Amino acid sequence: HDLRSRVAGSATFIEFHLVVPASMTVGDSHTI
């Protein structure tokens, strides 16, 4: 959620929040 974007020349900046299970490890969430 909270997906946002902006365009700056050849770059497109994209950011958002990703909700994962609280029990998920940092490594597994990083893989996603």
Full PDB file with SEQRES, HELIX, SHEET, SSBOND, CRYST1, ORIGX, SCALE, CONECT and MASTER records, all heavy atoms in Angstrom:
SEQRES   1 A   32  HIS ASP LEU ARG SER ARG VAL ALA GLY SER ALA THR PHE          
SEQRES   2 A   32  ILE GLU PHE HIS LEU VAL VAL PRO ALA SER MET THR VAL          
SEQRES   3 A   32  GLY ASP SER HIS THR ILE                                      
HELIX    1 AA1 VAL A   26  THR A   31  1                                   6    
SHEET    1 AA1 2 ARG A   4  ALA A   8  0                                        
SHEET    2 AA1 2 ALA A  11  GLU A  15 -1                                        
CRYST1    1.000    1.000    1.000  90.00  90.00  90.00 P 1           1          
ORIGX1      1.000000  0.000000  0.000000        0.00000                         
ORIGX2      0.000000  1.000000  0.000000        0.00000                         
ORIGX3      0.000000  0.000000  1.000000        0.00000                         
SCALE1      1.000000  0.000000  0.000000        0.00000                         
SCALE2      0.000000  1.000000  0.000000        0.00000                         
SCALE3      0.000000  0.000000  1.000000        0.00000                         
ATOM      1  N   HIS A   1       0.846  -1.201   0.000  1.00  0.00           N  
ATOM      2  CA  HIS A   1       0.000   0.000   0.000  1.00  0.00           C  
ATOM      3  C   HIS A   1       0.877   1.245   0.000  1.00  0.00           C  
ATOM      4  O   HIS A   1       2.104   1.168   0.065  1.00  0.00           O  
ATOM      5  CB  HIS A   1      -0.938   0.011   1.218  1.00  0.00           C  
ATOM      6  CG  HIS A   1      -0.222   0.046   2.536  1.00  0.00           C  
ATOM      7  ND1 HIS A   1       0.153   1.202   3.152  1.00  0.00           N  
ATOM      8  CD2 HIS A   1       0.188  -0.965   3.346  1.00  0.00           C  
ATOM      9  CE1 HIS A   1       0.759   0.925   4.302  1.00  0.00           C  
ATOM     10  NE2 HIS A   1       0.801  -0.395   4.436  1.00  0.00           N  
ATOM     11  N   ASP A   2       0.248   2.407  -0.065  1.00  0.00           N  
ATOM     12  CA  ASP A   2       0.926   3.701  -0.086  1.00  0.00           C  
ATOM     13  C   ASP A   2       1.944   3.772  -1.238  1.00  0.00           C  
ATOM     14  O   ASP A   2       3.081   4.217  -1.059  1.00  0.00           O  
ATOM     15  CB  ASP A   2       1.630   3.950   1.257  1.00  0.00           C  
ATOM     16  CG  ASP A   2       1.801   5.449   1.534  1.00  0.00           C  
ATOM     17  OD1 ASP A   2       1.173   6.246   0.834  1.00  0.00           O  
ATOM     18  OD2 ASP A   2       2.594   5.791   2.444  1.00  0.00           O  
ATOM     19  N   LEU A   3       1.504   3.306  -2.406  1.00  0.00           N  
ATOM     20  CA  LEU A   3       2.365   3.310  -3.588  1.00  0.00           C  
ATOM     21  C   LEU A   3       2.473   4.722  -4.152  1.00  0.00           C  
ATOM     22  O   LEU A   3       1.459   5.381  -4.427  1.00  0.00           O  
ATOM     23  CB  LEU A   3       1.795   2.356  -4.642  1.00  0.00           C  
ATOM     24  CG  LEU A   3       2.462   2.344  -6.018  1.00  0.00           C  
ATOM     25  CD1 LEU A   3       3.928   1.933  -5.919  1.00  0.00           C  
ATOM     26  CD2 LEU A   3       1.706   1.407  -6.955  1.00  0.00           C  
ATOM     27  N   ARG A   4       3.705   5.192  -4.334  1.00  0.00           N  
ATOM     28  CA  ARG A   4       3.943   6.524  -4.885  1.00  0.00           C  
ATOM     29  C   ARG A   4       5.028   6.454  -5.954  1.00  0.00           C  
ATOM     30  O   ARG A   4       5.881   5.558  -5.926  1.00  0.00           O  
ATOM     31  CB  ARG A   4       4.378   7.505  -3.787  1.00  0.00           C  
ATOM     32  CG  ARG A   4       3.309   7.763  -2.735  1.00  0.00           C  
ATOM     33  CD  ARG A   4       3.717   8.868  -1.782  1.00  0.00           C  
ATOM     34  NE  ARG A   4       4.905   8.517  -1.001  1.00  0.00           N  
ATOM     35  CZ  ARG A   4       5.489   9.342  -0.128  1.00  0.00           C  
ATOM     36  NH1 ARG A   4       5.018  10.564   0.043  1.00  0.00           N  
ATOM     37  NH2 ARG A   4       6.553   8.945   0.552  1.00  0.00           N  
ATOM     38  N   SER A   5       4.975   7.403  -6.880  1.00  0.00           N  
ATOM     39  CA  SER A   5       5.976   7.438  -7.946  1.00  0.00           C  
ATOM     40  C   SER A   5       6.267   8.879  -8.336  1.00  0.00           C  
ATOM     41  O   SER A   5       5.455   9.779  -8.098  1.00  0.00           O  
ATOM     42  CB  SER A   5       5.479   6.669  -9.179  1.00  0.00           C  
ATOM     43  OG  SER A   5       4.400   7.365  -9.776  1.00  0.00           O  
ATOM     44  N   ARG A   6       7.423   9.081  -8.921  1.00  0.00           N  
ATOM     45  CA  ARG A   6       7.776  10.374  -9.515  1.00  0.00           C  
ATOM     46  C   ARG A   6       8.790  10.122 -10.621  1.00  0.00           C  
ATOM     47  O   ARG A   6       9.568   9.163 -10.560  1.00  0.00           O  
ATOM     48  CB  ARG A   6       8.338  11.353  -8.480  1.00  0.00           C  
ATOM     49  CG  ARG A   6       9.640  10.935  -7.813  1.00  0.00           C  
ATOM     50  CD  ARG A   6      10.038  11.928  -6.729  1.00  0.00           C  
ATOM     51  NE  ARG A   6      11.256  11.531  -6.042  1.00  0.00           N  
ATOM     52  CZ  ARG A   6      12.483  11.928  -6.386  1.00  0.00           C  
ATOM     53  NH1 ARG A   6      12.630  12.724  -7.444  1.00  0.00           N  
ATOM     54  NH2 ARG A   6      13.548  11.544  -5.715  1.00  0.00           N  
ATOM     55  N   VAL A   7       8.742  10.981 -11.620  1.00  0.00           N  
ATOM     56  CA  VAL A   7       9.629  10.835 -12.775  1.00  0.00           C  
ATOM     57  C   VAL A   7      10.659  11.952 -12.746  1.00  0.00           C  
ATOM     58  O   VAL A   7      10.320  13.119 -12.558  1.00  0.00           O  
ATOM     59  CB  VAL A   7       8.828  10.887 -14.091  1.00  0.00           C  
ATOM     60  CG1 VAL A   7       9.764  10.761 -15.289  1.00  0.00           C  
ATOM     61  CG2 VAL A   7       7.779   9.790 -14.121  1.00  0.00           C  
ATOM     62  N   ALA A   8      11.916  11.591 -12.936  1.00  0.00           N  
ATOM     63  CA  ALA A   8      13.008  12.566 -12.999  1.00  0.00           C  
ATOM     64  C   ALA A   8      13.919  12.186 -14.156  1.00  0.00           C  
ATOM     65  O   ALA A   8      14.829  11.375 -14.005  1.00  0.00           O  
ATOM     66  CB  ALA A   8      13.781  12.606 -11.687  1.00  0.00           C  
ATOM     67  N   GLY A   9      13.658  12.731 -15.330  1.00  0.00           N  
ATOM     68  CA  GLY A   9      14.465  12.405 -16.504  1.00  0.00           C  
ATOM     69  C   GLY A   9      14.341  10.938 -16.857  1.00  0.00           C  
ATOM     70  O   GLY A   9      13.238  10.409 -17.026  1.00  0.00           O  
ATOM     71  N   SER A  10      15.470  10.244 -16.926  1.00  0.00           N  
ATOM     72  CA  SER A  10      15.462   8.833 -17.306  1.00  0.00           C  
ATOM     73  C   SER A  10      15.153   7.915 -16.126  1.00  0.00           C  
ATOM     74  O   SER A  10      15.008   6.710 -16.307  1.00  0.00           O  
ATOM     75  CB  SER A  10      16.827   8.444 -17.889  1.00  0.00           C  
ATOM     76  OG  SER A  10      17.860   8.672 -16.938  1.00  0.00           O  
ATOM     77  N   ALA A  11      15.049   8.470 -14.917  1.00  0.00           N  
ATOM     78  CA  ALA A  11      14.782   7.663 -13.722  1.00  0.00           C  
ATOM     79  C   ALA A  11      13.320   7.765 -13.303  1.00  0.00           C  
ATOM     80  O   ALA A  11      12.696   8.829 -13.411  1.00  0.00           O  
ATOM     81  CB  ALA A  11      15.672   8.100 -12.561  1.00  0.00           C  
ATOM     82  N   THR A  12      12.768   6.648 -12.847  1.00  0.00           N  
ATOM     83  CA  THR A  12      11.417   6.622 -12.280  1.00  0.00           C  
ATOM     84  C   THR A  12      11.532   6.108 -10.851  1.00  0.00           C  
ATOM     85  O   THR A  12      11.909   4.959 -10.625  1.00  0.00           O  
ATOM     86  CB  THR A  12      10.492   5.691 -13.085  1.00  0.00           C  
ATOM     87  OG1 THR A  12      10.405   6.158 -14.430  1.00  0.00           O  
ATOM     88  CG2 THR A  12       9.089   5.674 -12.474  1.00  0.00           C  
ATOM     89  N   PHE A  13      11.249   6.984  -9.900  1.00  0.00           N  
ATOM     90  CA  PHE A  13      11.357   6.617  -8.490  1.00  0.00           C  
ATOM     91  C   PHE A  13      10.022   6.033  -8.018  1.00  0.00           C  
ATOM     92  O   PHE A  13       8.963   6.652  -8.202  1.00  0.00           O  
ATOM     93  CB  PHE A  13      11.730   7.838  -7.651  1.00  0.00           C  
ATOM     94  CG  PHE A  13      13.132   8.332  -7.896  1.00  0.00           C  
ATOM     95  CD1 PHE A  13      13.405   9.223  -8.923  1.00  0.00           C  
ATOM     96  CD2 PHE A  13      14.184   7.889  -7.119  1.00  0.00           C  
ATOM     97  CE1 PHE A  13      14.692   9.673  -9.167  1.00  0.00           C  
ATOM     98  CE2 PHE A  13      15.490   8.323  -7.342  1.00  0.00           C  
ATOM     99  CZ  PHE A  13      15.738   9.221  -8.369  1.00  0.00           C  
ATOM    100  N   ILE A  14      10.092   4.842  -7.415  1.00  0.00           N  
ATOM    101  CA  ILE A  14       8.892   4.120  -6.966  1.00  0.00           C  
ATOM    102  C   ILE A  14       9.105   3.702  -5.513  1.00  0.00           C  
ATOM    103  O   ILE A  14      10.158   3.170  -5.169  1.00  0.00           O  
ATOM    104  CB  ILE A  14       8.643   2.869  -7.828  1.00  0.00           C  
ATOM    105  CG1 ILE A  14       8.489   3.267  -9.302  1.00  0.00           C  
ATOM    106  CG2 ILE A  14       7.419   2.094  -7.338  1.00  0.00           C  
ATOM    107  CD1 ILE A  14       8.600   2.094 -10.266  1.00  0.00           C  
ATOM    108  N   GLU A  15       8.122   3.961  -4.684  1.00  0.00           N  
ATOM    109  CA  GLU A  15       8.218   3.532  -3.290  1.00  0.00           C  
ATOM    110  C   GLU A  15       6.849   3.092  -2.784  1.00  0.00           C  
ATOM    111  O   GLU A  15       5.816   3.609  -3.226  1.00  0.00           O  
ATOM    112  CB  GLU A  15       8.773   4.647  -2.410  1.00  0.00           C  
ATOM    113  CG  GLU A  15       7.956   5.926  -2.396  1.00  0.00           C  
ATOM    114  CD  GLU A  15       8.582   6.987  -1.519  1.00  0.00           C  
ATOM    115  OE1 GLU A  15       9.612   7.570  -1.925  1.00  0.00           O  
ATOM    116  OE2 GLU A  15       8.036   7.245  -0.416  1.00  0.00           O  
ATOM    117  N   PHE A  16       6.851   2.111  -1.870  1.00  0.00           N  
ATOM    118  CA  PHE A  16       5.602   1.634  -1.288  1.00  0.00           C  
ATOM    119  C   PHE A  16       5.900   0.847  -0.020  1.00  0.00           C  
ATOM    120  O   PHE A  16       7.062   0.528   0.278  1.00  0.00           O  
ATOM    121  CB  PHE A  16       4.822   0.759  -2.288  1.00  0.00           C  
ATOM    122  CG  PHE A  16       5.578  -0.446  -2.787  1.00  0.00           C  
ATOM    123  CD1 PHE A  16       5.470  -1.678  -2.160  1.00  0.00           C  
ATOM    124  CD2 PHE A  16       6.396  -0.355  -3.909  1.00  0.00           C  
ATOM    125  CE1 PHE A  16       6.153  -2.786  -2.625  1.00  0.00           C  
ATOM    126  CE2 PHE A  16       7.091  -1.459  -4.386  1.00  0.00           C  
ATOM    127  CZ  PHE A  16       6.969  -2.683  -3.733  1.00  0.00           C  
ATOM    128  N   HIS A  17       4.854   0.544   0.740  1.00  0.00           N  
ATOM    129  CA  HIS A  17       4.959  -0.270   1.947  1.00  0.00           C  
ATOM    130  C   HIS A  17       4.532  -1.691   1.605  1.00  0.00           C  
ATOM    131  O   HIS A  17       3.524  -1.895   0.914  1.00  0.00           O  
ATOM    132  CB  HIS A  17       4.060   0.287   3.052  1.00  0.00           C  
ATOM    133  CG  HIS A  17       4.520   1.599   3.597  1.00  0.00           C  
ATOM    134  ND1 HIS A  17       4.282   1.993   4.891  1.00  0.00           N  
ATOM    135  CD2 HIS A  17       5.213   2.618   3.027  1.00  0.00           C  
ATOM    136  CE1 HIS A  17       4.802   3.184   5.087  1.00  0.00           C  
ATOM    137  NE2 HIS A  17       5.364   3.582   3.964  1.00  0.00           N  
ATOM    138  N   LEU A  18       5.289  -2.673   2.113  1.00  0.00           N  
ATOM    139  CA  LEU A  18       4.972  -4.083   1.887  1.00  0.00           C  
ATOM    140  C   LEU A  18       4.713  -4.738   3.251  1.00  0.00           C  
ATOM    141  O   LEU A  18       5.594  -4.747   4.112  1.00  0.00           O  
ATOM    142  CB  LEU A  18       6.129  -4.783   1.177  1.00  0.00           C  
ATOM    143  CG  LEU A  18       5.889  -6.246   0.793  1.00  0.00           C  
ATOM    144  CD1 LEU A  18       4.859  -6.346  -0.331  1.00  0.00           C  
ATOM    145  CD2 LEU A  18       7.202  -6.908   0.353  1.00  0.00           C  
ATOM    146  N   VAL A  19       3.504  -5.258   3.428  1.00  0.00           N  
ATOM    147  CA  VAL A  19       3.131  -5.912   4.689  1.00  0.00           C  
ATOM    148  C   VAL A  19       3.385  -7.409   4.557  1.00  0.00           C  
ATOM    149  O   VAL A  19       2.909  -8.054   3.618  1.00  0.00           O  
ATOM    150  CB  VAL A  19       1.650  -5.657   5.018  1.00  0.00           C  
ATOM    151  CG1 VAL A  19       1.277  -6.316   6.346  1.00  0.00           C  
ATOM    152  CG2 VAL A  19       1.368  -4.157   5.072  1.00  0.00           C  
ATOM    153  N   VAL A  20       4.170  -7.946   5.495  1.00  0.00           N  
ATOM    154  CA  VAL A  20       4.482  -9.378   5.512  1.00  0.00           C  
ATOM    155  C   VAL A  20       4.111  -9.941   6.880  1.00  0.00           C  
ATOM    156  O   VAL A  20       3.963  -9.194   7.853  1.00  0.00           O  
ATOM    157  CB  VAL A  20       5.989  -9.626   5.230  1.00  0.00           C  
ATOM    158  CG1 VAL A  20       6.383  -9.075   3.864  1.00  0.00           C  
ATOM    159  CG2 VAL A  20       6.854  -9.001   6.321  1.00  0.00           C  
ATOM    160  N   PRO A  21       3.939 -11.273   6.998  1.00  0.00           N  
ATOM    161  CA  PRO A  21       3.630 -11.861   8.312  1.00  0.00           C  
ATOM    162  C   PRO A  21       4.704 -11.485   9.345  1.00  0.00           C  
ATOM    163  O   PRO A  21       5.898 -11.442   9.032  1.00  0.00           O  
ATOM    164  CB  PRO A  21       3.626 -13.363   8.036  1.00  0.00           C  
ATOM    165  CG  PRO A  21       3.299 -13.472   6.577  1.00  0.00           C  
ATOM    166  CD  PRO A  21       3.961 -12.297   5.929  1.00  0.00           C  
ATOM    167  N   ALA A  22       4.270 -11.239  10.579  1.00  0.00           N  
ATOM    168  CA  ALA A  22       5.207 -10.841  11.634  1.00  0.00           C  
ATOM    169  C   ALA A  22       6.239 -11.924  11.916  1.00  0.00           C  
ATOM    170  O   ALA A  22       7.360 -11.629  12.353  1.00  0.00           O  
ATOM    171  CB  ALA A  22       4.427 -10.506  12.906  1.00  0.00           C  
ATOM    172  N   SER A  23       5.874 -13.169  11.655  1.00  0.00           N  
ATOM    173  CA  SER A  23       6.784 -14.277  11.934  1.00  0.00           C  
ATOM    174  C   SER A  23       7.816 -14.498  10.824  1.00  0.00           C  
ATOM    175  O   SER A  23       8.736 -15.302  10.981  1.00  0.00           O  
ATOM    176  CB  SER A  23       5.979 -15.573  12.129  1.00  0.00           C  
ATOM    177  OG  SER A  23       5.223 -15.853  10.954  1.00  0.00           O  
ATOM    178  N   MET A  24       7.687 -13.793   9.705  1.00  0.00           N  
ATOM    179  CA  MET A  24       8.593 -13.998   8.579  1.00  0.00           C  
ATOM    180  C   MET A  24       9.984 -13.466   8.912  1.00  0.00           C  
ATOM    181  O   MET A  24      10.132 -12.407   9.523  1.00  0.00           O  
ATOM    182  CB  MET A  24       8.054 -13.317   7.319  1.00  0.00           C  
ATOM    183  CG  MET A  24       8.929 -13.494   6.077  1.00  0.00           C  
ATOM    184  SD  MET A  24       8.178 -12.800   4.582  1.00  0.00           S  
ATOM    185  CE  MET A  24       6.905 -14.032   4.244  1.00  0.00           C  
ATOM    186  N   THR A  25      11.016 -14.176   8.506  1.00  0.00           N  
ATOM    187  CA  THR A  25      12.384 -13.729   8.766  1.00  0.00           C  
ATOM    188  C   THR A  25      12.759 -12.570   7.834  1.00  0.00           C  
ATOM    189  O   THR A  25      12.135 -12.355   6.784  1.00  0.00           O  
ATOM    190  CB  THR A  25      13.385 -14.868   8.536  1.00  0.00           C  
ATOM    191  OG1 THR A  25      13.381 -15.227   7.143  1.00  0.00           O  
ATOM    192  CG2 THR A  25      13.028 -16.082   9.389  1.00  0.00           C  
ATOM    193  N   VAL A  26      13.798 -11.840   8.245  1.00  0.00           N  
ATOM    194  CA  VAL A  26      14.287 -10.740   7.417  1.00  0.00           C  
ATOM    195  C   VAL A  26      14.751 -11.270   6.069  1.00  0.00           C  
ATOM    196  O   VAL A  26      14.495 -10.663   5.012  1.00  0.00           O  
ATOM    197  CB  VAL A  26      15.447 -10.010   8.134  1.00  0.00           C  
ATOM    198  CG1 VAL A  26      16.075  -8.972   7.200  1.00  0.00           C  
ATOM    199  CG2 VAL A  26      14.964  -9.346   9.403  1.00  0.00           C  
ATOM    200  N   GLY A  27      15.396 -12.412   6.069  1.00  0.00           N  
ATOM    201  CA  GLY A  27      15.887 -13.000   4.821  1.00  0.00           C  
ATOM    202  C   GLY A  27      14.766 -13.336   3.857  1.00  0.00           C  
ATOM    203  O   GLY A  27      14.860 -13.056   2.659  1.00  0.00           O  
ATOM    204  N   ASP A  28      13.661 -13.904   4.374  1.00  0.00           N  
ATOM    205  CA  ASP A  28      12.536 -14.267   3.511  1.00  0.00           C  
ATOM    206  C   ASP A  28      11.844 -13.017   2.956  1.00  0.00           C  
ATOM    207  O   ASP A  28      11.449 -12.986   1.783  1.00  0.00           O  
ATOM    208  CB  ASP A  28      11.532 -15.121   4.282  1.00  0.00           C  
ATOM    209  CG  ASP A  28      12.045 -16.529   4.543  1.00  0.00           C  
ATOM    210  OD1 ASP A  28      12.985 -16.947   3.838  1.00  0.00           O  
ATOM    211  OD2 ASP A  28      11.512 -17.200   5.454  1.00  0.00           O  
ATOM    212  N   SER A  29      11.680 -11.997   3.802  1.00  0.00           N  
ATOM    213  CA  SER A  29      11.040 -10.768   3.319  1.00  0.00           C  
ATOM    214  C   SER A  29      11.927 -10.075   2.285  1.00  0.00           C  
ATOM    215  O   SER A  29      11.431  -9.480   1.307  1.00  0.00           O  
ATOM    216  CB  SER A  29      10.742  -9.821   4.489  1.00  0.00           C  
ATOM    217  OG  SER A  29      11.939  -9.414   5.129  1.00  0.00           O  
ATOM    218  N   HIS A  30      13.236 -10.167   2.469  1.00  0.00           N  
ATOM    219  CA  HIS A  30      14.162  -9.578   1.505  1.00  0.00           C  
ATOM    220  C   HIS A  30      14.066 -10.294   0.161  1.00  0.00           C  
ATOM    221  O   HIS A  30      14.157  -9.667  -0.910  1.00  0.00           O  
ATOM    222  CB  HIS A  30      15.593  -9.655   2.042  1.00  0.00           C  
ATOM    223  CG  HIS A  30      16.586  -8.880   1.225  1.00  0.00           C  
ATOM    224  ND1 HIS A  30      17.267  -9.447   0.168  1.00  0.00           N  
ATOM    225  CD2 HIS A  30      16.993  -7.585   1.300  1.00  0.00           C  
ATOM    226  CE1 HIS A  30      18.068  -8.538  -0.368  1.00  0.00           C  
ATOM    227  NE2 HIS A  30      17.922  -7.395   0.304  1.00  0.00           N  
ATOM    228  N   THR A  31      13.864 -11.598   0.207  1.00  0.00           N  
ATOM    229  CA  THR A  31      13.709 -12.371  -1.029  1.00  0.00           C  
ATOM    230  C   THR A  31      12.476 -11.913  -1.802  1.00  0.00           C  
ATOM    231  O   THR A  31      12.511 -11.784  -3.041  1.00  0.00           O  
ATOM    232  CB  THR A  31      13.586 -13.868  -0.712  1.00  0.00           C  
ATOM    233  OG1 THR A  31      14.791 -14.309  -0.069  1.00  0.00           O  
ATOM    234  CG2 THR A  31      13.371 -14.685  -1.971  1.00  0.00           C  
ATOM    235  N   ILE A  32      11.383 -11.654  -1.088  1.00  0.00           N  
ATOM    236  CA  ILE A  32      10.162 -11.155  -1.734  1.00  0.00           C  
ATOM    237  C   ILE A  32      10.423  -9.787  -2.370  1.00  0.00           C  
ATOM    238  O   ILE A  32      10.006  -9.520  -3.504  1.00  0.00           O  
ATOM    239  CB  ILE A  32       9.001 -11.064  -0.719  1.00  0.00           C  
ATOM    240  CG1 ILE A  32       8.646 -12.457  -0.194  1.00  0.00           C  
ATOM    241  CG2 ILE A  32       7.775 -10.424  -1.365  1.00  0.00           C  
ATOM    242  CD1 ILE A  32       7.609 -12.444   0.907  1.00  0.00           C  
TER     243      ILE A  32                                                      
MASTER        0    0    0    1    2    0    0    6  242    1    0    3          
END                                                                             
